[in-house]
Amino acid sequence: MTAAEDPRAELLRLRSSIDNIDAALIFMLAERFRATQQVGQLKAEHQMPASDPGREEQQVSRLKALAEDAHLDPEFAEKWFNFVVAEVIRHHTEAAEGR
């Protein structure tokens, strides 16, 4: 019986792929946060605001277009981005306060 004929084997194969993708996403998010921490330090050193609404709007538009190209729900992409940005702003605010 091949993997395609055995649904349990196919399920395990698909789950293994999902696990690999999840691991890659975690490492990519960690890299992203390392970069945004550097941005936060720069902003704190130069008394710049933690949030940049203009940049955020540009990013939302860009990511929604990318999501459409990738056949991903653009609203989901926007929600994901807003979640990440909220965490970044929290880090930037903490950096500005010297935490």
N, C-alpha and C. Protein backbone atom coordinates (compact mmCIF):
# COMPACT_ATOMS: atom_id res chain seq x y z
N MET A 1 0.84 -1.18 0.00
CA MET A 1 0.00 0.00 0.00
C MET A 1 0.89 1.25 0.00
N THR A 2 0.64 2.18 -0.90
CA THR A 2 1.42 3.41 -0.97
C THR A 2 0.88 4.43 0.04
N ALA A 3 1.67 5.49 0.25
CA ALA A 3 1.24 6.54 1.18
C ALA A 3 -0.08 7.14 0.74
N ALA A 4 -0.28 7.28 -0.57
CA ALA A 4 -1.53 7.85 -1.07
C ALA A 4 -2.71 6.92 -0.80
N GLU A 5 -2.44 5.62 -0.73
CA GLU A 5 -3.51 4.66 -0.46
C GLU A 5 -3.77 4.49 1.03
N ASP A 6 -2.80 4.84 1.86
CA ASP A 6 -2.93 4.71 3.31
C ASP A 6 -3.12 6.11 3.90
N PRO A 7 -4.35 6.44 4.29
CA PRO A 7 -4.60 7.80 4.79
C PRO A 7 -3.78 8.14 6.03
N ARG A 8 -3.48 7.17 6.87
CA ARG A 8 -2.68 7.46 8.07
C ARG A 8 -1.25 7.85 7.69
N ALA A 9 -0.68 7.16 6.72
CA ALA A 9 0.66 7.49 6.26
C ALA A 9 0.67 8.88 5.60
N GLU A 10 -0.35 9.17 4.83
CA GLU A 10 -0.46 10.48 4.19
C GLU A 10 -0.61 11.57 5.24
N LEU A 11 -1.41 11.31 6.27
CA LEU A 11 -1.59 12.27 7.36
C LEU A 11 -0.26 12.54 8.06
N LEU A 12 0.50 11.50 8.33
CA LEU A 12 1.81 11.67 8.96
C LEU A 12 2.75 12.48 8.07
N ARG A 13 2.73 12.23 6.76
CA ARG A 13 3.57 12.96 5.83
C ARG A 13 3.20 14.44 5.83
N LEU A 14 1.90 14.72 5.76
CA LEU A 14 1.44 16.10 5.76
C LEU A 14 1.77 16.80 7.07
N ARG A 15 1.58 16.11 8.18
CA ARG A 15 1.88 16.71 9.48
C ARG A 15 3.37 16.99 9.63
N SER A 16 4.19 16.12 9.09
CA SER A 16 5.64 16.34 9.13
C SER A 16 6.00 17.60 8.35
N SER A 17 5.36 17.78 7.21
CA SER A 17 5.58 18.99 6.41
C SER A 17 5.13 20.23 7.19
N ILE A 18 3.98 20.16 7.82
CA ILE A 18 3.47 21.28 8.63
C ILE A 18 4.43 21.59 9.77
N ASP A 19 4.94 20.56 10.43
CA ASP A 19 5.90 20.77 11.53
C ASP A 19 7.15 21.48 11.04
N ASN A 20 7.64 21.10 9.87
CA ASN A 20 8.82 21.76 9.30
C ASN A 20 8.54 23.23 8.98
N ILE A 21 7.38 23.49 8.43
CA ILE A 21 7.00 24.86 8.11
C ILE A 21 6.87 25.68 9.39
N ASP A 22 6.24 25.11 10.42
CA ASP A 22 6.11 25.82 11.70
C ASP A 22 7.49 26.16 12.27
N ALA A 23 8.43 25.23 12.20
CA ALA A 23 9.78 25.49 12.70
C ALA A 23 10.42 26.64 11.92
N ALA A 24 10.27 26.62 10.61
CA ALA A 24 10.83 27.69 9.79
C ALA A 24 10.20 29.03 10.15
N LEU A 25 8.90 29.05 10.36
CA LEU A 25 8.21 30.29 10.74
C LEU A 25 8.74 30.85 12.06
N ILE A 26 8.96 29.98 13.02
CA ILE A 26 9.46 30.42 14.33
C ILE A 26 10.85 31.05 14.17
N PHE A 27 11.72 30.40 13.40
CA PHE A 27 13.05 30.96 13.20
C PHE A 27 13.00 32.27 12.42
N MET A 28 12.10 32.38 11.46
CA MET A 28 11.95 33.62 10.70
C MET A 28 11.41 34.74 11.61
N LEU A 29 10.45 34.41 12.47
CA LEU A 29 9.94 35.41 13.41
C LEU A 29 11.03 35.87 14.37
N ALA A 30 11.85 34.92 14.83
CA ALA A 30 12.95 35.29 15.72
C ALA A 30 13.90 36.25 15.02
N GLU A 31 14.20 35.98 13.76
CA GLU A 31 15.09 36.86 12.99
C GLU A 31 14.44 38.24 12.81
N ARG A 32 13.14 38.24 12.54
CA ARG A 32 12.41 39.51 12.38
C ARG A 32 12.48 40.33 13.67
N PHE A 33 12.27 39.66 14.81
CA PHE A 33 12.29 40.39 16.08
C PHE A 33 13.70 40.87 16.43
N ARG A 34 14.73 40.14 16.01
CA ARG A 34 16.09 40.65 16.23
C ARG A 34 16.28 41.96 15.46
N ALA A 35 15.77 42.01 14.24
CA ALA A 35 15.88 43.23 13.44
C ALA A 35 15.06 44.36 14.05
N THR A 36 13.84 44.05 14.50
CA THR A 36 13.01 45.12 15.07
C THR A 36 13.55 45.58 16.42
N GLN A 37 14.26 44.73 17.14
CA GLN A 37 14.89 45.17 18.38
C GLN A 37 15.96 46.22 18.09
N GLN A 38 16.68 46.03 16.99
CA GLN A 38 17.68 47.02 16.60
C GLN A 38 17.00 48.34 16.23
N VAL A 39 15.87 48.25 15.55
CA VAL A 39 15.10 49.45 15.22
C VAL A 39 14.66 50.14 16.52
N GLY A 40 14.18 49.36 17.47
CA GLY A 40 13.74 49.91 18.75
C GLY A 40 14.86 50.62 19.49
N GLN A 41 16.05 50.04 19.47
CA GLN A 41 17.20 50.67 20.12
C GLN A 41 17.53 51.99 19.45
N LEU A 42 17.52 51.99 18.12
CA LEU A 42 17.80 53.21 17.37
C LEU A 42 16.77 54.30 17.69
N LYS A 43 15.50 53.90 17.70
CA LYS A 43 14.44 54.87 18.02
C LYS A 43 14.61 55.40 19.44
N ALA A 44 14.93 54.51 20.38
CA ALA A 44 15.09 54.94 21.77
C ALA A 44 16.26 55.91 21.90
N GLU A 45 17.37 55.61 21.23
CA GLU A 45 18.55 56.47 21.31
C GLU A 45 18.29 57.87 20.76
N HIS A 46 17.37 57.96 19.80
CA HIS A 46 17.11 59.24 19.14
C HIS A 46 15.73 59.80 19.47
N GLN A 47 15.15 59.32 20.57
CA GLN A 47 13.84 59.79 21.05
C GLN A 47 12.79 59.81 19.94
N MET A 48 12.78 58.76 19.13
CA MET A 48 11.78 58.64 18.07
C MET A 48 10.60 57.85 18.61
N PRO A 49 9.39 58.09 18.12
CA PRO A 49 8.22 57.37 18.63
C PRO A 49 8.31 55.87 18.35
N ALA A 50 7.75 55.09 19.25
CA ALA A 50 7.77 53.63 19.11
C ALA A 50 6.96 53.17 17.90
N SER A 51 5.91 53.90 17.60
CA SER A 51 5.01 53.53 16.50
C SER A 51 5.23 54.47 15.31
N ASP A 52 5.07 53.92 14.12
CA ASP A 52 5.17 54.71 12.89
C ASP A 52 3.96 54.36 12.02
N PRO A 53 2.82 55.03 12.26
CA PRO A 53 1.58 54.68 11.55
C PRO A 53 1.70 54.69 10.03
N GLY A 54 2.48 55.62 9.47
CA GLY A 54 2.65 55.67 8.02
C GLY A 54 3.33 54.42 7.50
N ARG A 55 4.40 54.00 8.16
CA ARG A 55 5.12 52.78 7.79
C ARG A 55 4.20 51.57 7.94
N GLU A 56 3.43 51.54 9.01
CA GLU A 56 2.53 50.41 9.25
C GLU A 56 1.48 50.31 8.15
N GLU A 57 0.93 51.45 7.72
CA GLU A 57 -0.05 51.44 6.63
C GLU A 57 0.56 50.92 5.34
N GLN A 58 1.78 51.35 5.05
CA GLN A 58 2.47 50.87 3.85
C GLN A 58 2.68 49.35 3.91
N GLN A 59 3.09 48.89 5.08
CA GLN A 59 3.34 47.45 5.24
C GLN A 59 2.05 46.65 5.11
N VAL A 60 0.96 47.14 5.67
CA VAL A 60 -0.32 46.43 5.55
C VAL A 60 -0.70 46.31 4.08
N SER A 61 -0.59 47.39 3.34
CA SER A 61 -0.92 47.35 1.91
C SER A 61 -0.03 46.37 1.17
N ARG A 62 1.26 46.43 1.46
CA ARG A 62 2.22 45.54 0.79
C ARG A 62 1.94 44.08 1.13
N LEU A 63 1.71 43.80 2.40
CA LEU A 63 1.49 42.42 2.81
C LEU A 63 0.16 41.88 2.31
N LYS A 64 -0.86 42.72 2.24
CA LYS A 64 -2.14 42.28 1.69
C LYS A 64 -2.00 41.93 0.21
N ALA A 65 -1.23 42.71 -0.53
CA ALA A 65 -0.99 42.41 -1.94
C ALA A 65 -0.20 41.10 -2.07
N LEU A 66 0.82 40.93 -1.24
CA LEU A 66 1.57 39.68 -1.26
C LEU A 66 0.67 38.49 -0.93
N ALA A 67 -0.20 38.68 0.05
CA ALA A 67 -1.12 37.60 0.43
C ALA A 67 -2.01 37.22 -0.75
N GLU A 68 -2.53 38.22 -1.44
CA GLU A 68 -3.37 37.93 -2.60
C GLU A 68 -2.59 37.14 -3.64
N ASP A 69 -1.34 37.55 -3.90
CA ASP A 69 -0.50 36.83 -4.86
C ASP A 69 -0.26 35.39 -4.43
N ALA A 70 -0.20 35.17 -3.12
CA ALA A 70 0.07 33.84 -2.57
C ALA A 70 -1.22 33.04 -2.34
N HIS A 71 -2.35 33.61 -2.71
CA HIS A 71 -3.66 32.97 -2.48
C HIS A 71 -3.91 32.72 -0.99
N LEU A 72 -3.54 33.73 -0.19
CA LEU A 72 -3.79 33.74 1.24
C LEU A 72 -4.76 34.87 1.52
N ASP A 73 -5.66 34.68 2.44
CA ASP A 73 -6.63 35.71 2.78
C ASP A 73 -5.92 36.99 3.22
N PRO A 74 -6.08 38.09 2.48
CA PRO A 74 -5.42 39.34 2.84
C PRO A 74 -5.80 39.85 4.23
N GLU A 75 -7.03 39.59 4.65
CA GLU A 75 -7.46 40.01 5.98
C GLU A 75 -6.68 39.25 7.06
N PHE A 76 -6.42 37.98 6.81
CA PHE A 76 -5.60 37.20 7.74
C PHE A 76 -4.20 37.79 7.81
N ALA A 77 -3.63 38.13 6.66
CA ALA A 77 -2.29 38.72 6.63
C ALA A 77 -2.26 40.01 7.44
N GLU A 78 -3.31 40.82 7.31
CA GLU A 78 -3.37 42.07 8.06
C GLU A 78 -3.48 41.79 9.56
N LYS A 79 -4.29 40.83 9.95
CA LYS A 79 -4.42 40.49 11.37
C LYS A 79 -3.08 40.00 11.93
N TRP A 80 -2.39 39.16 11.16
CA TRP A 80 -1.09 38.66 11.60
C TRP A 80 -0.12 39.82 11.79
N PHE A 81 -0.09 40.72 10.81
CA PHE A 81 0.83 41.85 10.88
C PHE A 81 0.50 42.73 12.08
N ASN A 82 -0.77 43.01 12.31
CA ASN A 82 -1.16 43.84 13.45
C ASN A 82 -0.75 43.20 14.77
N PHE A 83 -0.87 41.88 14.86
CA PHE A 83 -0.45 41.16 16.06
C PHE A 83 1.06 41.33 16.28
N VAL A 84 1.82 41.13 15.22
CA VAL A 84 3.27 41.25 15.32
C VAL A 84 3.68 42.69 15.66
N VAL A 85 3.07 43.66 15.00
CA VAL A 85 3.41 45.06 15.24
C VAL A 85 3.09 45.46 16.67
N ALA A 86 2.01 44.97 17.22
CA ALA A 86 1.68 45.28 18.62
C ALA A 86 2.80 44.81 19.54
N GLU A 87 3.35 43.65 19.27
CA GLU A 87 4.45 43.13 20.09
C GLU A 87 5.71 43.96 19.87
N VAL A 88 5.98 44.34 18.64
CA VAL A 88 7.15 45.18 18.33
C VAL A 88 7.04 46.52 19.05
N ILE A 89 5.87 47.14 18.99
CA ILE A 89 5.68 48.43 19.65
C ILE A 89 5.88 48.28 21.16
N ARG A 90 5.41 47.19 21.72
CA ARG A 90 5.62 46.94 23.15
C ARG A 90 7.12 46.90 23.46
N HIS A 91 7.87 46.19 22.61
CA HIS A 91 9.33 46.12 22.81
C HIS A 91 9.97 47.49 22.66
N HIS A 92 9.54 48.25 21.66
CA HIS A 92 10.11 49.59 21.44
C HIS A 92 9.80 50.51 22.61
N THR A 93 8.60 50.41 23.13
CA THR A 93 8.22 51.24 24.28
C THR A 93 9.08 50.88 25.49
N GLU A 94 9.28 49.60 25.71
CA GLU A 94 10.14 49.16 26.82
C GLU A 94 11.57 49.67 26.64
N ALA A 95 12.07 49.61 25.40
CA ALA A 95 13.43 50.10 25.13
C ALA A 95 13.53 51.59 25.42
N ALA A 96 12.50 52.34 25.03
CA ALA A 96 12.50 53.78 25.26
C ALA A 96 12.46 54.11 26.75
N GLU A 97 11.80 53.24 27.51
CA GLU A 97 11.69 53.47 28.96
C GLU A 97 12.90 52.93 29.71
N GLY A 98 13.83 52.30 28.96
CA GLY A 98 15.07 51.81 29.58
C GLY A 98 14.91 50.50 30.31
N ARG A 99 13.97 49.70 29.93
CA ARG A 99 13.75 48.41 30.60
C ARG A 99 14.72 47.37 30.11
